[in-house]
N, C-alpha and C. Protein backbone atom coordinates (compact mmCIF):
# COMPACT_ATOMS: atom_id res chain seq x y z
N MET A 1 0.84 -1.16 0.00
CA MET A 1 0.00 0.00 0.00
C MET A 1 0.90 1.24 0.00
N LEU A 2 0.59 2.17 -0.85
CA LEU A 2 1.39 3.39 -0.95
C LEU A 2 0.91 4.44 0.05
N THR A 3 1.86 5.10 0.65
CA THR A 3 1.52 6.20 1.54
C THR A 3 1.29 7.45 0.71
N ALA A 4 0.77 8.50 1.33
CA ALA A 4 0.54 9.76 0.62
C ALA A 4 1.86 10.32 0.08
N THR A 5 2.93 10.19 0.86
CA THR A 5 4.24 10.67 0.43
C THR A 5 4.72 9.90 -0.80
N ASP A 6 4.51 8.57 -0.79
CA ASP A 6 4.89 7.75 -1.94
C ASP A 6 4.13 8.17 -3.20
N LYS A 7 2.84 8.43 -3.03
CA LYS A 7 2.02 8.82 -4.18
C LYS A 7 2.49 10.16 -4.76
N ILE A 8 2.82 11.10 -3.89
CA ILE A 8 3.32 12.40 -4.35
C ILE A 8 4.64 12.21 -5.09
N TRP A 9 5.53 11.39 -4.54
CA TRP A 9 6.82 11.12 -5.17
C TRP A 9 6.62 10.51 -6.56
N LEU A 10 5.70 9.55 -6.67
CA LEU A 10 5.45 8.91 -7.96
C LEU A 10 4.87 9.88 -8.98
N MET A 11 3.96 10.76 -8.54
CA MET A 11 3.38 11.74 -9.44
C MET A 11 4.45 12.72 -9.93
N ARG A 12 5.31 13.17 -9.03
CA ARG A 12 6.39 14.09 -9.42
C ARG A 12 7.34 13.41 -10.40
N ALA A 13 7.67 12.15 -10.13
CA ALA A 13 8.58 11.42 -11.00
C ALA A 13 7.97 11.28 -12.40
N ALA A 14 6.68 10.96 -12.47
CA ALA A 14 6.01 10.80 -13.77
C ALA A 14 5.97 12.13 -14.52
N LEU A 15 5.68 13.21 -13.81
CA LEU A 15 5.63 14.54 -14.45
C LEU A 15 7.00 14.97 -14.95
N ASP A 16 8.05 14.54 -14.26
CA ASP A 16 9.41 14.89 -14.67
C ASP A 16 9.96 13.95 -15.74
N GLY A 17 9.17 12.97 -16.15
CA GLY A 17 9.58 12.07 -17.22
C GLY A 17 10.33 10.83 -16.77
N TYR A 18 10.37 10.58 -15.48
CA TYR A 18 11.05 9.38 -15.00
C TYR A 18 10.14 8.17 -15.14
N ILE A 19 10.75 7.04 -15.41
CA ILE A 19 10.03 5.78 -15.44
C ILE A 19 10.26 5.11 -14.09
N VAL A 20 9.18 4.88 -13.39
CA VAL A 20 9.27 4.30 -12.05
C VAL A 20 9.17 2.78 -12.16
N VAL A 21 10.16 2.12 -11.63
CA VAL A 21 10.19 0.66 -11.64
C VAL A 21 10.00 0.18 -10.22
N GLU A 22 9.00 -0.68 -10.04
CA GLU A 22 8.72 -1.21 -8.70
C GLU A 22 9.89 -2.08 -8.24
N PRO A 23 10.20 -2.02 -6.96
CA PRO A 23 11.23 -2.93 -6.43
C PRO A 23 10.80 -4.39 -6.61
N LYS A 24 11.77 -5.25 -6.76
CA LYS A 24 11.50 -6.68 -6.95
C LYS A 24 11.88 -7.45 -5.68
N TYR A 25 11.20 -8.57 -5.49
CA TYR A 25 11.42 -9.41 -4.32
C TYR A 25 11.53 -10.87 -4.75
N LEU A 26 12.27 -11.63 -3.96
CA LEU A 26 12.33 -13.09 -4.10
C LEU A 26 11.52 -13.69 -2.96
N LEU A 27 10.95 -14.86 -3.19
CA LEU A 27 10.11 -15.52 -2.19
C LEU A 27 10.68 -16.90 -1.87
N PRO A 28 11.69 -16.96 -1.00
CA PRO A 28 12.26 -18.26 -0.64
C PRO A 28 11.35 -19.00 0.35
N LEU A 29 11.14 -20.26 0.10
CA LEU A 29 10.34 -21.09 1.01
C LEU A 29 11.32 -21.74 1.98
N GLU A 30 11.24 -21.34 3.23
CA GLU A 30 12.14 -21.86 4.25
C GLU A 30 11.71 -23.25 4.69
N ALA A 31 12.67 -24.03 5.15
CA ALA A 31 12.43 -25.36 5.74
C ALA A 31 11.70 -26.31 4.80
N THR A 32 11.98 -26.20 3.52
CA THR A 32 11.39 -27.16 2.58
C THR A 32 12.38 -28.29 2.37
N GLU A 33 11.85 -29.49 2.21
CA GLU A 33 12.71 -30.65 2.00
C GLU A 33 12.62 -31.08 0.54
N THR A 34 13.76 -31.49 0.02
CA THR A 34 13.83 -31.91 -1.37
C THR A 34 14.92 -32.96 -1.51
N THR A 35 14.90 -33.66 -2.61
CA THR A 35 15.95 -34.66 -2.85
C THR A 35 17.23 -34.02 -3.36
N GLU A 36 17.16 -32.74 -3.71
CA GLU A 36 18.34 -32.02 -4.19
C GLU A 36 19.28 -31.74 -3.02
N PRO A 37 20.59 -31.92 -3.21
CA PRO A 37 21.52 -31.72 -2.10
C PRO A 37 21.71 -30.26 -1.68
N ARG A 38 21.65 -29.35 -2.60
CA ARG A 38 21.85 -27.93 -2.28
C ARG A 38 20.85 -27.09 -3.06
N GLY A 39 20.68 -25.87 -2.59
CA GLY A 39 19.81 -24.95 -3.30
C GLY A 39 18.69 -24.46 -2.41
N GLN A 40 17.68 -23.89 -3.03
CA GLN A 40 16.58 -23.27 -2.31
C GLN A 40 15.32 -23.40 -3.14
N THR A 41 14.18 -23.57 -2.48
CA THR A 41 12.89 -23.59 -3.17
C THR A 41 12.31 -22.18 -3.12
N TYR A 42 11.82 -21.71 -4.25
CA TYR A 42 11.26 -20.37 -4.37
C TYR A 42 9.85 -20.43 -4.95
N ALA A 43 9.06 -19.44 -4.63
CA ALA A 43 7.76 -19.26 -5.27
C ALA A 43 7.96 -18.25 -6.40
N GLY A 44 7.19 -18.40 -7.45
CA GLY A 44 7.26 -17.48 -8.58
C GLY A 44 5.90 -17.36 -9.22
N ILE A 45 5.81 -16.49 -10.23
CA ILE A 45 4.55 -16.29 -10.93
C ILE A 45 4.80 -16.37 -12.44
N ARG A 46 3.95 -17.16 -13.09
CA ARG A 46 4.07 -17.31 -14.55
C ARG A 46 3.38 -16.14 -15.25
N LYS A 47 3.60 -16.03 -16.55
CA LYS A 47 2.99 -14.94 -17.33
C LYS A 47 1.47 -14.99 -17.31
N ASN A 48 0.91 -16.19 -17.07
CA ASN A 48 -0.55 -16.31 -17.01
C ASN A 48 -1.09 -16.06 -15.60
N SER A 49 -0.24 -15.50 -14.73
CA SER A 49 -0.58 -15.15 -13.34
C SER A 49 -0.77 -16.36 -12.44
N GLN A 50 -0.30 -17.52 -12.85
CA GLN A 50 -0.38 -18.72 -12.02
C GLN A 50 0.88 -18.80 -11.15
N TRP A 51 0.68 -18.96 -9.83
CA TRP A 51 1.80 -19.06 -8.90
C TRP A 51 2.30 -20.50 -8.85
N PHE A 52 3.61 -20.67 -8.65
CA PHE A 52 4.20 -22.00 -8.60
C PHE A 52 5.42 -21.98 -7.69
N THR A 53 5.96 -23.16 -7.39
CA THR A 53 7.22 -23.27 -6.66
C THR A 53 8.19 -24.11 -7.46
N ALA A 54 9.48 -23.87 -7.26
CA ALA A 54 10.50 -24.66 -7.93
C ALA A 54 11.76 -24.64 -7.09
N HIS A 55 12.48 -25.75 -7.12
CA HIS A 55 13.76 -25.84 -6.40
C HIS A 55 14.87 -25.47 -7.38
N LEU A 56 15.71 -24.55 -6.98
CA LEU A 56 16.83 -24.12 -7.82
C LEU A 56 18.13 -24.48 -7.12
N SER A 57 19.07 -25.02 -7.88
CA SER A 57 20.36 -25.34 -7.30
C SER A 57 21.09 -24.05 -6.94
N ALA A 58 22.12 -24.17 -6.14
CA ALA A 58 22.85 -22.99 -5.67
C ALA A 58 23.46 -22.19 -6.82
N THR A 59 23.77 -22.84 -7.94
CA THR A 59 24.41 -22.14 -9.06
C THR A 59 23.44 -21.82 -10.19
N GLN A 60 22.23 -22.27 -10.09
CA GLN A 60 21.24 -22.07 -11.16
C GLN A 60 20.71 -20.63 -11.14
N ALA A 61 20.66 -20.01 -12.30
CA ALA A 61 20.15 -18.64 -12.40
C ALA A 61 18.63 -18.65 -12.25
N LYS A 62 18.11 -17.60 -11.63
CA LYS A 62 16.67 -17.47 -11.44
C LYS A 62 16.07 -16.73 -12.64
N SER A 63 15.00 -17.26 -13.18
CA SER A 63 14.33 -16.57 -14.29
C SER A 63 13.53 -15.39 -13.74
N SER A 64 13.06 -14.56 -14.64
CA SER A 64 12.29 -13.36 -14.23
C SER A 64 11.01 -13.74 -13.49
N ALA A 65 10.53 -14.97 -13.64
CA ALA A 65 9.30 -15.40 -12.95
C ALA A 65 9.46 -15.40 -11.44
N PHE A 66 10.70 -15.48 -10.95
CA PHE A 66 10.94 -15.53 -9.51
C PHE A 66 11.10 -14.14 -8.88
N TYR A 67 11.16 -13.11 -9.69
CA TYR A 67 11.28 -11.73 -9.19
C TYR A 67 9.90 -11.09 -9.27
N VAL A 68 9.30 -10.83 -8.12
CA VAL A 68 7.93 -10.33 -8.09
C VAL A 68 7.87 -8.94 -7.46
N THR A 69 6.82 -8.21 -7.78
CA THR A 69 6.63 -6.86 -7.25
C THR A 69 5.66 -6.89 -6.07
N ARG A 70 5.63 -5.81 -5.34
CA ARG A 70 4.70 -5.67 -4.20
C ARG A 70 3.26 -5.75 -4.72
N THR A 71 2.99 -5.18 -5.89
CA THR A 71 1.65 -5.22 -6.47
C THR A 71 1.22 -6.67 -6.73
N GLN A 72 2.14 -7.48 -7.27
CA GLN A 72 1.83 -8.88 -7.50
C GLN A 72 1.58 -9.61 -6.18
N LEU A 73 2.37 -9.27 -5.16
CA LEU A 73 2.20 -9.91 -3.86
C LEU A 73 0.86 -9.57 -3.23
N GLU A 74 0.41 -8.34 -3.40
CA GLU A 74 -0.87 -7.93 -2.82
C GLU A 74 -2.03 -8.71 -3.44
N ALA A 75 -1.90 -9.11 -4.70
CA ALA A 75 -2.96 -9.84 -5.40
C ALA A 75 -2.77 -11.36 -5.31
N ALA A 76 -1.75 -11.81 -4.63
CA ALA A 76 -1.40 -13.23 -4.56
C ALA A 76 -2.33 -14.00 -3.62
N PRO A 77 -2.37 -15.33 -3.79
CA PRO A 77 -3.15 -16.16 -2.87
C PRO A 77 -2.50 -16.18 -1.48
N ALA A 78 -3.25 -16.64 -0.50
CA ALA A 78 -2.81 -16.61 0.90
C ALA A 78 -1.49 -17.35 1.12
N TRP A 79 -1.27 -18.48 0.44
CA TRP A 79 -0.04 -19.25 0.68
C TRP A 79 1.19 -18.47 0.23
N VAL A 80 1.04 -17.61 -0.78
CA VAL A 80 2.16 -16.78 -1.24
C VAL A 80 2.37 -15.62 -0.28
N LYS A 81 1.28 -15.02 0.18
CA LYS A 81 1.39 -13.90 1.12
C LYS A 81 2.05 -14.32 2.43
N ALA A 82 1.98 -15.61 2.76
CA ALA A 82 2.58 -16.10 4.00
C ALA A 82 4.11 -16.18 3.93
N ILE A 83 4.66 -16.07 2.73
CA ILE A 83 6.13 -16.16 2.55
C ILE A 83 6.74 -14.79 2.79
N GLU A 84 7.82 -14.75 3.55
CA GLU A 84 8.52 -13.49 3.84
C GLU A 84 9.35 -13.09 2.62
N PRO A 85 8.99 -11.99 1.93
CA PRO A 85 9.76 -11.59 0.76
C PRO A 85 11.10 -10.99 1.15
N ILE A 86 12.10 -11.18 0.29
CA ILE A 86 13.39 -10.53 0.50
C ILE A 86 13.67 -9.65 -0.72
N ALA A 87 14.23 -8.48 -0.47
CA ALA A 87 14.54 -7.55 -1.56
C ALA A 87 15.54 -8.19 -2.51
N ALA A 88 15.34 -7.99 -3.80
CA ALA A 88 16.20 -8.59 -4.80
C ALA A 88 16.63 -7.54 -5.81
N ASP A 89 17.72 -7.83 -6.47
CA ASP A 89 18.23 -6.97 -7.53
C ASP A 89 18.39 -7.83 -8.77
N PRO A 90 17.30 -7.99 -9.57
CA PRO A 90 17.41 -8.85 -10.75
C PRO A 90 18.39 -8.28 -11.75
N LYS A 91 19.18 -9.13 -12.30
CA LYS A 91 20.19 -8.71 -13.29
C LYS A 91 19.66 -8.91 -14.69
């Protein structure tokens, strides 16, 4: 949810010609068990807005589906909202 200050900042940025990009988050599922020896299970969202989970090895690159915005999280199902998001810097 945006505060009044955030809304003013966004309006000023838009009027000044800036493109505002929402911060991205990763959704790691803690304490999940898998047959994989290393890595982490994450929640993500497909282009059709379907949420899913996948286990990624420690060296495996994360696709853009695993980087989600606060807006996507607000519209997510309860099981996704229960995951603690961590700030991410997608490359």
